[in-house]
Amino acid sequence: MENEEQVHKSRNWVGTIITLAMLFFVGFFVYKVVFYAKAIQSGEIDPSSLSYSGAFSTSESLANAPLPDGEFNLVTTDDPSLGSVRAPVQIVEFADFGCPYSQDSSVTMRALAQKYPEQINYVYRDFPITELHPMAEQAAQAGECAQEQGVFWEYHDKLYQNQFDLSRKEFVNFAAQLNMNTRVFESCLDSERFEDEVFEDYTDGLEAGVRGTPTFFINGNRIPGAIPGDVLETLIQSVLSNG
């Protein structure tokens, strides 16, 4: 009986320690978000100096390539976008449908674009890292074929929701699930009609210093990595308040 009580007390202590540790880490994360928010709003931190490379799929072949400085005008009219083209906050994301960090960012960006429909113009551009995600380029082309039929964002969601099951068969299945014209879709995919378009996105990203995914450009300022939603919203509010 005494041994059982000791075991019970020991388990209680372990549970208490784990709970305290979790509270510490959650509190530390909140502190970091608040710290960055205040520093950005006060002008102590330049948003372009931020990096979230811990949540970032790095292209090994580009890892040591030099990074260009400056601001970059990467907003296009032929790539999928959400929001107003006249919005004061222009956000361009270079992403990879096979990248888990791009998947995380996709949820964040869809929510923010919905919350700030007149304040944000969010442009999605392709940066397939095939050395890490072999089907990424074909997925990017499939997304372009979906855009041709006016359902890019729905197809975008399908690709990210099933990013560990990307194949030509599944690309066609996703199209069928969205009631697309699968004959036209398959013809588009097999002809690689949008190969040049995807390559243009990739090349533009390279020239602007994209070395992995996701990489954001907020009003031309490059920020690599999946930016936490709270920090990203603070950046948006900072730009709006200073505009």
Foldseek 3Di string as FASTA:
>chain_A
DVVVVVVVVVVVVVVVVVVVVVVVVVVVVVVVLVVLLVCLLVVVDDVLPAADCVFWDFQPVCPPPDADDDFDDPDDDLFDKAADPPALKEKEKEAFLLRLQVLVLLVLVVVVCVVCRHRYIYGYAYAHRCVVQVCRLLLRQLLSLVVVVPCNVQSSNVSNVPSVDDDPVVSLVSCVVVVHPSVSSVVSSVVVVCSVVNVVRNVSCVVNGDRTPTWMRINRRIYGRRDPSSNVVSVSVSSVVVD
